[in-house]
Amino acid sequence: MATIVPRKRKDGSTGYLAQIIIKRQGKVVHQESQTFDRRQAAVAWSVRREDELRKPGTLGRKTDDPKLADVIDRYIAESEKQIGRTKAQVLRKVKTFDVAELRCSEITSADLISMAQALPVAPQTRQNYLSHLAAVFAVARPMWGYPLDQQAIKDAFTVAKRMGITTRGRSRDRRPTIEEIDRLMAHFADINTRRPSALPMQRIIPFAIFSTRRQEEIVRILWADYQPAAHGHAARAMVRDMKNPGDKIGNNVWCDLTPEAVAYIEAMPRRDDRIFPYSTDGISAAFTRACQVLGIDDLHFHDLRHEGISRLFEMGWNIPQVATVSGHRSWTSLKRYSHMRQTGDKYANWKWRSPGEQTAAENVTSLMRHKARIFRAENAQTARPITPSTKSNVEAGKSAPSAGSAQPNRGSPTS
C-alpha cells in the first residue's frame, strides 16, 4: 500500500512524497518514491503504479541497474543541450570517486556526502559538484527507468548545508584603487613598448571596467556583433553565451556600451573576426603575474567587472539602467549595490579614460622602431664579416686598410 508524506520545502511550499514499499515474507522486494506538488497527483501516481505492479511477472522482471559512472556517461552522450566545460569537468571528476562504482539502487545520501567531504576544494565548490550531479539524478529514473533515487541527492544537499560541508558562493567586494590600476597600466604599457607582440592588456583592462564584461565574454565579442550608436540609440554589442545559471550555452544578450568602452573598441585593429582575439588563459596569466610583480594583493581580473558596475551606481545610474550594460537578467543580483552613494565618476579625470593617449605614444614608439630598423639595415650593408686573414692581422698588431683604399673593408662589423 502506498503512503503519502507531506514535506516542507526550502521556499515554504509543501511537496507530497508518494512511497510504495512491497514486502514478501518479511523482506522488501520493491520500493520506489516520487515527489509531487499536489496531493491529488501523488495519489493518482500511487494508484497507477500499484495497478502496474500487480500484473503477473512485473516484480520478477529484471530492471537495468547500472553504475553511476555509466549513467553519467549516458547523460553526457545523449544530452541534446550542450553541456558547459565546467559541468563536464565536474561530472568526469565524480567518476573517479567510489560512489561512481555503486549501482543506482545502492546509492544513498550518505554516499554522496562522503564524496563531497572527500573533495579537496572549498565548500562553495562542493556545492557546485552536488548541483551538477543533481542534474543526472533528475533525469535518470523518468528518462531511462534507472533506480536512482532523486531524494538521495536532495537529502545530501540538506545535510551538507546543515553540517557546513557546502556553502553558497560569497560575493567579493574587492575593488581596485586608481593607484593600483595606474600601476598595472604603466606596467603593461612598458611591456608593449619593449615587446609589441605582447597582449594589449593596457586596452583590455580599461575595456573590462568600462564595459563591465567578464573575461571570457570579452574574447568572444565579434566585430559583426558590435553596433555603434545611431539614431539616438546607445552603442551595443552582443555577448554570446553569457553566464546564467542553467542556461549559458546559446544565451546571447545585447548589452549597451558606455562611451569609454566604445572608444577602446574603436581603437582595436580589425585583424580578426573577434575584437579582442586573445585567450582567457593568456589574459588571466598576464594579469595575475603583473599583480604579483607589482605587489598588488588579492585582486582578480573579475574584480574589474565589480568595479565597473560600482562605478555606474556611483555615477547615479539606477538598477534598470545598469542592467542594460551589465546584462543581468534578474535585478536581484544588483540589489547588493543599492547601498552605494552617488559620489560621481572617479574615472572622470583618469589619464587612461581614453585610448587616445595610448595610441599617440604607440605611434611615436612605432616610428622610432621603424627608423631604428632602417639604420640597422643601412649599417649592415657596409659591414663585412671578420675573415681569418683579418683576424691574423689584428693579432699581429697590423692596422686594417683605410675605407678609401681599393682593398675591401676589413674592419669590425658595425653592431
Protein backbone atom coordinates (compact mmCIF):
# COMPACT_ATOMS: atom_id res chain seq x y z
CA MET A 1 0.00 0.00 0.00
CA ALA A 2 1.31 3.47 -0.87
CA THR A 3 1.83 6.20 1.69
CA ILE A 4 1.72 9.96 1.04
CA VAL A 5 4.02 12.09 3.22
CA PRO A 6 3.82 15.91 3.09
CA ARG A 7 7.18 17.68 3.28
CA LYS A 8 8.04 21.35 3.65
CA ARG A 9 10.40 22.74 1.03
CA LYS A 10 13.01 25.48 1.36
CA ASP A 11 10.76 28.02 -0.37
CA GLY A 12 7.94 27.35 2.13
CA SER A 13 5.76 25.31 -0.23
CA THR A 14 4.67 21.75 0.50
CA GLY A 15 5.65 18.73 -1.54
CA TYR A 16 3.99 15.31 -1.31
CA LEU A 17 6.24 12.25 -1.26
CA ALA A 18 4.46 9.13 -2.54
CA GLN A 19 6.18 5.92 -1.38
CA ILE A 20 5.44 2.36 -2.45
CA ILE A 21 7.00 -0.49 -0.48
CA ILE A 22 6.18 -4.13 -1.26
CA LYS A 23 7.30 -6.96 1.01
CA ARG A 24 7.37 -10.73 0.51
CA GLN A 25 7.88 -12.95 3.54
CA GLY A 26 9.05 -10.02 5.60
CA LYS A 27 11.60 -8.82 3.02
CA VAL A 28 11.35 -5.72 0.89
CA VAL A 29 11.22 -6.84 -2.74
CA HIS A 30 10.38 -3.49 -4.29
CA GLN A 31 10.35 0.16 -3.28
CA GLU A 32 10.07 3.43 -5.14
CA SER A 33 9.03 7.01 -4.48
CA GLN A 34 8.17 10.22 -6.29
CA THR A 35 7.55 13.77 -5.05
CA PHE A 36 4.63 15.88 -6.34
CA ASP A 37 3.42 19.43 -5.89
CA ARG A 38 -0.19 18.32 -5.20
CA ARG A 39 -1.56 15.51 -3.06
CA GLN A 40 -4.03 14.55 -5.81
CA ALA A 41 -1.15 13.97 -8.24
CA ALA A 42 0.69 11.86 -5.67
CA VAL A 43 -2.41 9.72 -5.06
CA ALA A 44 -3.05 9.26 -8.78
CA TRP A 45 0.54 8.15 -9.38
CA SER A 46 0.38 5.72 -6.44
CA VAL A 47 -2.82 4.10 -7.72
CA ARG A 48 -1.44 3.74 -11.25
CA ARG A 49 1.85 2.25 -10.10
CA GLU A 50 0.17 -0.20 -7.73
CA ASP A 51 -2.04 -1.41 -10.58
CA GLU A 52 1.04 -1.90 -12.78
CA LEU A 53 2.92 -3.75 -10.05
CA ARG A 54 0.01 -6.16 -9.51
CA LYS A 55 0.34 -7.51 -13.03
CA PRO A 56 1.90 -11.00 -13.16
CA GLY A 57 5.66 -11.04 -13.69
CA THR A 58 6.15 -7.34 -13.01
CA LEU A 59 8.05 -7.68 -9.74
CA GLY A 60 10.17 -10.54 -11.02
CA ARG A 61 11.23 -8.65 -14.12
CA LYS A 62 14.86 -7.65 -14.10
CA THR A 63 15.42 -3.90 -14.43
CA ASP A 64 18.50 -2.02 -15.51
CA ASP A 65 20.62 -1.03 -12.55
CA PRO A 66 23.86 0.39 -13.99
CA LYS A 67 26.71 2.01 -12.13
CA LEU A 68 26.56 5.75 -11.57
CA ALA A 69 29.60 6.20 -13.84
CA ASP A 70 27.67 4.63 -16.74
CA VAL A 71 24.67 6.86 -16.07
CA ILE A 72 26.92 9.94 -16.15
CA ASP A 73 28.36 8.81 -19.50
CA ARG A 74 24.89 8.33 -20.95
CA TYR A 75 23.75 11.72 -19.64
CA ILE A 76 26.67 13.46 -21.37
CA ALA A 77 26.29 11.45 -24.58
CA GLU A 78 22.53 11.88 -25.01
CA SER A 79 22.07 15.46 -23.84
CA GLU A 80 20.94 17.50 -26.84
CA LYS A 81 21.60 20.62 -24.84
CA GLN A 82 25.29 21.46 -24.95
CA ILE A 83 26.98 20.79 -21.64
CA GLY A 84 29.31 23.51 -20.44
CA ARG A 85 33.01 22.88 -19.93
CA THR A 86 32.85 23.27 -16.13
CA LYS A 87 29.92 20.89 -15.75
CA ALA A 88 31.59 18.28 -17.96
CA GLN A 89 34.79 18.53 -15.91
CA VAL A 90 32.85 18.13 -12.65
CA LEU A 91 31.00 15.03 -13.87
CA ARG A 92 34.25 13.46 -15.08
CA LYS A 93 35.76 14.13 -11.66
CA VAL A 94 32.80 12.47 -9.91
CA LYS A 95 33.52 9.30 -11.88
CA THR A 96 36.87 8.99 -10.05
CA PHE A 97 35.18 8.53 -6.65
CA ASP A 98 33.92 5.29 -5.08
CA VAL A 99 30.29 6.38 -5.39
CA ALA A 100 30.57 6.15 -9.18
CA GLU A 101 31.16 2.39 -8.91
CA LEU A 102 27.93 1.81 -6.99
CA ARG A 103 24.76 0.62 -8.69
CA CYS A 104 21.95 3.15 -8.89
CA SER A 105 19.82 1.25 -6.37
CA GLU A 106 22.68 1.21 -3.86
CA ILE A 107 23.39 4.94 -3.72
CA THR A 108 22.27 6.76 -0.58
CA SER A 109 22.63 10.30 0.65
CA ALA A 110 25.45 9.10 2.92
CA ASP A 111 27.45 8.00 -0.14
CA LEU A 112 27.02 11.42 -1.73
CA ILE A 113 28.03 13.18 1.49
CA SER A 114 31.17 11.06 1.70
CA MET A 115 32.09 12.08 -1.83
CA ALA A 116 31.54 15.76 -1.04
CA GLN A 117 33.70 15.54 2.08
CA ALA A 118 36.49 13.86 0.10
CA LEU A 119 36.65 16.71 -2.42
CA PRO A 120 39.82 18.77 -1.72
CA VAL A 121 38.06 22.02 -2.63
CA ALA A 122 36.30 24.91 -0.92
CA PRO A 123 32.75 24.42 0.42
CA GLN A 124 31.39 26.65 -2.36
CA THR A 125 32.90 24.34 -4.98
CA ARG A 126 31.46 21.26 -3.26
CA GLN A 127 28.08 22.89 -3.64
CA ASN A 128 28.68 23.16 -7.39
CA TYR A 129 29.62 19.47 -7.59
CA LEU A 130 26.36 18.37 -5.97
CA SER A 131 24.39 20.78 -8.16
CA HIS A 132 25.84 19.37 -11.39
CA LEU A 133 25.36 15.78 -10.20
CA ALA A 134 21.73 16.57 -9.28
CA ALA A 135 21.03 17.10 -13.00
CA VAL A 136 21.90 13.44 -13.61
CA PHE A 137 19.67 12.28 -10.76
CA ALA A 138 16.79 14.39 -12.11
CA VAL A 139 16.59 12.52 -15.44
CA ALA A 140 17.88 9.01 -14.66
CA ARG A 141 14.60 7.49 -13.44
CA PRO A 142 11.97 9.33 -15.57
CA MET A 143 14.01 9.08 -18.80
CA TRP A 144 15.73 5.69 -18.58
CA GLY A 145 13.99 3.93 -15.70
CA TYR A 146 17.16 3.63 -13.66
CA PRO A 147 16.53 3.22 -9.89
CA LEU A 148 18.46 6.35 -8.98
CA ASP A 149 16.67 7.96 -6.05
CA GLN A 150 16.35 11.70 -6.52
CA GLN A 151 15.51 12.04 -2.84
CA ALA A 152 19.04 10.90 -2.01
CA ILE A 153 20.62 13.92 -3.68
CA LYS A 154 18.04 16.23 -2.08
CA ASP A 155 18.85 14.82 1.37
CA ALA A 156 22.56 15.20 0.62
CA PHE A 157 22.03 18.90 -0.11
CA THR A 158 20.24 19.36 3.20
CA VAL A 159 22.82 17.51 5.28
CA ALA A 160 25.78 19.16 3.56
CA LYS A 161 24.36 22.61 4.17
CA ARG A 162 23.46 21.96 7.82
CA MET A 163 26.87 20.44 8.57
CA GLY A 164 28.84 23.17 6.82
CA ILE A 165 30.19 20.80 4.16
CA THR A 166 28.87 23.13 1.47
CA THR A 167 28.11 26.82 1.41
CA ARG A 168 26.87 29.23 -1.18
CA GLY A 169 29.44 31.32 -3.01
CA ARG A 170 30.32 34.58 -1.31
CA SER A 171 30.24 37.86 -3.18
CA ARG A 172 33.62 39.56 -3.42
CA ASP A 173 33.80 43.23 -2.52
CA ARG A 174 37.39 43.85 -3.64
CA ARG A 175 37.72 46.95 -5.79
CA PRO A 176 40.98 48.19 -7.29
CA THR A 177 42.15 51.68 -6.42
CA ILE A 178 43.03 54.21 -9.11
CA GLU A 179 46.65 53.92 -7.96
CA GLU A 180 46.61 50.14 -8.48
CA ILE A 181 45.07 50.44 -11.93
CA ASP A 182 47.62 53.12 -12.85
CA ARG A 183 50.47 50.81 -11.85
CA LEU A 184 49.02 47.96 -13.90
CA MET A 185 48.52 50.21 -16.92
CA ALA A 186 52.05 51.59 -16.73
CA HIS A 187 53.42 48.07 -16.30
CA PHE A 188 51.67 46.74 -19.40
CA ALA A 189 52.41 49.88 -21.44
CA ASP A 190 56.09 49.37 -20.71
CA ILE A 191 55.87 45.70 -21.76
CA ASN A 192 54.15 46.62 -25.04
CA THR A 193 56.74 49.29 -25.77
CA ARG A 194 59.51 46.72 -25.49
CA ARG A 195 57.53 43.82 -26.95
CA PRO A 196 54.75 44.94 -29.33
CA SER A 197 53.55 41.36 -29.82
CA ALA A 198 52.50 41.10 -26.16
CA LEU A 199 48.83 41.10 -25.17
CA PRO A 200 47.41 44.66 -25.19
CA MET A 201 46.41 44.47 -21.53
CA GLN A 202 46.53 48.27 -21.32
CA ARG A 203 43.40 48.19 -23.52
CA ILE A 204 41.77 45.06 -22.19
CA ILE A 205 41.79 46.28 -18.57
CA PRO A 206 40.01 49.63 -19.21
CA PHE A 207 37.52 47.89 -21.52
CA ALA A 208 36.75 45.35 -18.78
CA ILE A 209 35.99 48.18 -16.35
CA PHE A 210 34.01 50.43 -18.68
CA SER A 211 32.04 47.58 -20.33
CA THR A 212 31.59 45.51 -17.10
CA ARG A 213 32.30 42.39 -19.17
CA ARG A 214 33.63 39.13 -17.85
CA GLN A 215 36.96 37.84 -19.12
CA GLU A 216 35.50 35.04 -21.26
CA GLU A 217 32.86 37.40 -22.67
CA ILE A 218 35.46 39.93 -23.80
CA VAL A 219 37.27 37.45 -26.03
CA ARG A 220 34.02 36.27 -27.64
CA ILE A 221 32.73 39.65 -28.88
CA LEU A 222 32.76 39.77 -32.69
CA TRP A 223 33.09 42.83 -34.89
CA ALA A 224 29.86 41.65 -36.54
CA ASP A 225 28.15 41.81 -33.14
CA TYR A 226 29.19 45.40 -32.48
CA GLN A 227 26.71 48.16 -33.33
CA PRO A 228 27.88 51.79 -32.99
CA ALA A 229 25.49 54.40 -31.62
CA ALA A 230 22.93 55.53 -34.19
CA HIS A 231 19.53 57.26 -34.38
CA GLY A 232 19.51 58.12 -30.70
CA HIS A 233 20.30 54.56 -29.59
CA ALA A 234 23.35 53.72 -27.50
CA ALA A 235 26.15 51.62 -28.94
CA ARG A 236 25.83 47.97 -28.04
CA ALA A 237 27.41 44.56 -28.51
CA MET A 238 26.04 41.05 -28.41
CA VAL A 239 27.59 39.00 -25.62
CA ARG A 240 27.47 35.36 -26.68
CA ASP A 241 26.90 32.56 -24.17
CA MET A 242 26.55 34.97 -21.29
CA LYS A 243 26.87 33.31 -17.91
CA ASN A 244 23.49 32.41 -16.49
CA PRO A 245 22.55 29.57 -14.10
CA GLY A 246 21.38 26.59 -16.16
CA ASP A 247 21.24 28.49 -19.45
CA LYS A 248 24.70 29.65 -20.53
CA ILE A 249 25.12 27.98 -23.92
CA GLY A 250 23.15 29.95 -26.50
CA ASN A 251 22.32 32.71 -24.01
CA ASN A 252 23.21 35.61 -26.33
CA VAL A 253 22.43 39.03 -24.86
CA TRP A 254 22.66 42.54 -26.33
CA CYS A 255 24.39 44.87 -23.86
CA ASP A 256 24.73 48.64 -24.10
CA LEU A 257 28.23 50.08 -24.20
CA THR A 258 29.43 53.16 -22.35
CA PRO A 259 31.23 55.82 -24.43
CA GLU A 260 34.54 54.83 -22.84
CA ALA A 261 34.07 51.18 -23.81
CA VAL A 262 33.21 52.23 -27.37
CA ALA A 263 36.44 54.26 -27.58
CA TYR A 264 38.51 51.21 -26.67
CA ILE A 265 36.67 49.05 -29.21
CA GLU A 266 37.28 51.61 -31.95
CA ALA A 267 40.98 51.71 -31.06
CA MET A 268 41.40 47.98 -31.73
CA PRO A 269 42.75 46.97 -35.16
CA ARG A 270 40.49 44.81 -37.34
CA ARG A 271 42.79 41.81 -37.71
CA ASP A 272 40.33 39.09 -36.74
CA ASP A 273 36.62 38.32 -36.55
CA ARG A 274 36.89 38.98 -32.82
CA ILE A 275 37.52 42.43 -31.42
CA PHE A 276 39.84 41.02 -28.76
CA PRO A 277 41.26 37.88 -30.41
CA TYR A 278 43.06 36.51 -27.37
CA SER A 279 42.69 33.59 -24.97
CA THR A 280 41.27 33.78 -21.46
CA ASP A 281 44.24 31.79 -20.18
CA GLY A 282 46.65 34.35 -21.62
CA ILE A 283 44.75 37.30 -20.13
CA SER A 284 44.41 35.63 -16.74
CA ALA A 285 48.09 34.67 -16.60
CA ALA A 286 49.25 38.16 -17.62
CA PHE A 287 47.01 39.87 -15.06
CA THR A 288 47.93 37.52 -12.22
CA ARG A 289 51.65 37.74 -12.98
CA ALA A 290 51.52 41.56 -13.09
CA CYS A 291 49.77 41.75 -9.72
CA GLN A 292 52.46 39.52 -8.22
CA VAL A 293 55.28 41.58 -9.71
CA LEU A 294 53.71 44.86 -8.54
CA GLY A 295 52.77 43.56 -5.09
CA ILE A 296 49.03 44.08 -5.59
CA ASP A 297 47.33 41.64 -3.22
CA ASP A 298 44.04 39.78 -3.66
CA LEU A 299 42.99 41.36 -6.95
CA HIS A 300 41.31 39.16 -9.55
CA PHE A 301 40.50 40.09 -13.13
CA HIS A 302 36.80 39.51 -12.37
CA ASP A 303 37.02 42.28 -9.76
CA LEU A 304 37.18 44.71 -12.69
CA ARG A 305 33.56 43.86 -13.53
CA HIS A 306 32.57 44.62 -9.94
CA GLU A 307 34.48 47.89 -10.21
CA GLY A 308 32.71 48.82 -13.46
CA ILE A 309 29.24 48.13 -12.06
CA SER A 310 30.04 50.02 -8.86
CA ARG A 311 31.21 52.99 -10.94
CA LEU A 312 27.86 53.21 -12.74
CA PHE A 313 25.94 53.27 -9.46
CA GLU A 314 28.27 55.92 -8.07
CA MET A 315 27.53 57.98 -11.18
CA GLY A 316 23.83 57.91 -10.25
CA TRP A 317 22.56 55.16 -12.54
CA ASN A 318 19.61 53.12 -11.29
CA ILE A 319 19.27 49.31 -11.39
CA PRO A 320 17.41 49.09 -14.75
CA GLN A 321 19.98 51.36 -16.41
CA VAL A 322 22.94 49.41 -15.04
CA ALA A 323 21.34 46.12 -16.12
CA THR A 324 21.34 47.28 -19.76
CA VAL A 325 25.14 47.42 -19.57
CA SER A 326 25.94 44.57 -17.18
CA GLY A 327 23.46 42.18 -18.81
CA HIS A 328 21.91 41.00 -15.53
CA ARG A 329 18.65 39.22 -16.32
CA SER A 330 17.50 39.42 -12.72
CA TRP A 331 17.74 42.72 -10.90
CA THR A 332 18.06 40.84 -7.60
CA SER A 333 21.78 40.38 -8.18
CA LEU A 334 22.22 44.15 -8.47
CA LYS A 335 20.50 44.93 -5.18
CA ARG A 336 23.83 44.45 -3.37
CA TYR A 337 24.88 47.75 -4.94
CA SER A 338 21.78 49.67 -3.86
CA HIS A 339 23.50 51.00 -0.72
CA MET A 340 26.14 52.84 -2.75
CA ARG A 341 26.14 56.61 -2.62
CA GLN A 342 26.16 58.82 -5.67
CA THR A 343 29.69 60.20 -5.50
CA GLY A 344 30.38 60.85 -9.17
CA ASP A 345 32.71 59.23 -11.66
CA LYS A 346 36.10 58.60 -10.07
CA TYR A 347 37.48 57.95 -13.57
CA ALA A 348 36.38 61.39 -14.85
CA ASN A 349 39.95 62.73 -14.95
CA TRP A 350 41.73 59.42 -15.33
CA LYS A 351 44.54 59.65 -17.85
CA TRP A 352 43.68 56.24 -19.27
CA ARG A 353 39.98 57.03 -19.68
CA SER A 354 40.51 57.24 -23.45
CA PRO A 355 42.90 55.16 -25.57
CA GLY A 356 43.92 58.34 -27.44
CA GLU A 357 46.96 58.96 -25.24
CA GLN A 358 48.00 55.32 -25.59
CA THR A 359 47.58 55.44 -29.38
CA ALA A 360 49.74 58.57 -29.71
CA ALA A 361 52.50 57.03 -27.60
CA GLU A 362 52.31 53.81 -29.58
CA ASN A 363 52.61 55.72 -32.87
CA VAL A 364 55.74 57.53 -31.68
CA THR A 365 57.23 54.26 -30.46
CA SER A 366 56.40 52.55 -33.74
CA LEU A 367 58.05 55.37 -35.73
CA MET A 368 61.19 55.17 -33.61
CA ARG A 369 61.38 51.41 -34.12
CA HIS A 370 60.92 51.86 -37.87
CA LYS A 371 63.82 54.36 -38.03
CA ALA A 372 65.97 52.04 -35.92
CA ARG A 373 65.32 49.16 -38.34
CA ILE A 374 66.33 51.37 -41.32
CA PHE A 375 69.52 52.46 -39.52
CA ARG A 376 70.49 48.87 -38.74
CA ALA A 377 69.79 47.79 -42.34
CA GLU A 378 71.96 50.58 -43.79
CA ASN A 379 74.85 49.73 -41.49
CA ALA A 380 74.52 46.03 -42.23
CA GLN A 381 75.14 46.74 -45.94
CA THR A 382 78.54 48.40 -45.27
CA ALA A 383 79.66 45.96 -42.61
CA ARG A 384 81.89 42.99 -43.54
CA PRO A 385 82.44 39.82 -41.58
CA ILE A 386 85.86 39.19 -39.99
CA THR A 387 87.86 36.72 -42.13
CA PRO A 388 90.71 34.51 -40.90
CA SER A 389 93.28 36.78 -42.63
CA THR A 390 91.84 39.86 -40.92
CA LYS A 391 91.93 38.09 -37.60
CA SER A 392 95.66 37.23 -38.04
CA ASN A 393 96.43 40.84 -38.99
CA VAL A 394 94.69 42.15 -35.92
CA GLU A 395 96.51 39.68 -33.71
CA ALA A 396 99.83 40.76 -35.29
CA GLY A 397 99.05 44.39 -34.49
CA LYS A 398 98.68 45.43 -38.09
CA SER A 399 96.15 48.10 -38.91
CA ALA A 400 93.46 47.42 -41.50
CA PRO A 401 93.45 49.36 -44.79
CA SER A 402 91.54 52.61 -44.78
CA ALA A 403 88.00 52.81 -46.06
CA GLY A 404 89.18 54.74 -49.12
CA SER A 405 91.63 52.03 -50.17
CA ALA A 406 90.99 49.75 -53.11
CA GLN A 407 91.13 46.89 -50.65
CA PRO A 408 87.77 45.76 -49.21
CA ASN A 409 86.84 47.00 -45.78
CA ARG A 410 88.21 44.57 -43.20
CA GLY A 411 87.17 46.46 -40.15
CA SER A 412 84.96 45.09 -37.39
CA PRO A 413 81.31 44.84 -38.43
CA THR A 414 79.01 47.51 -37.11
CA SER A 415 76.76 46.15 -34.40
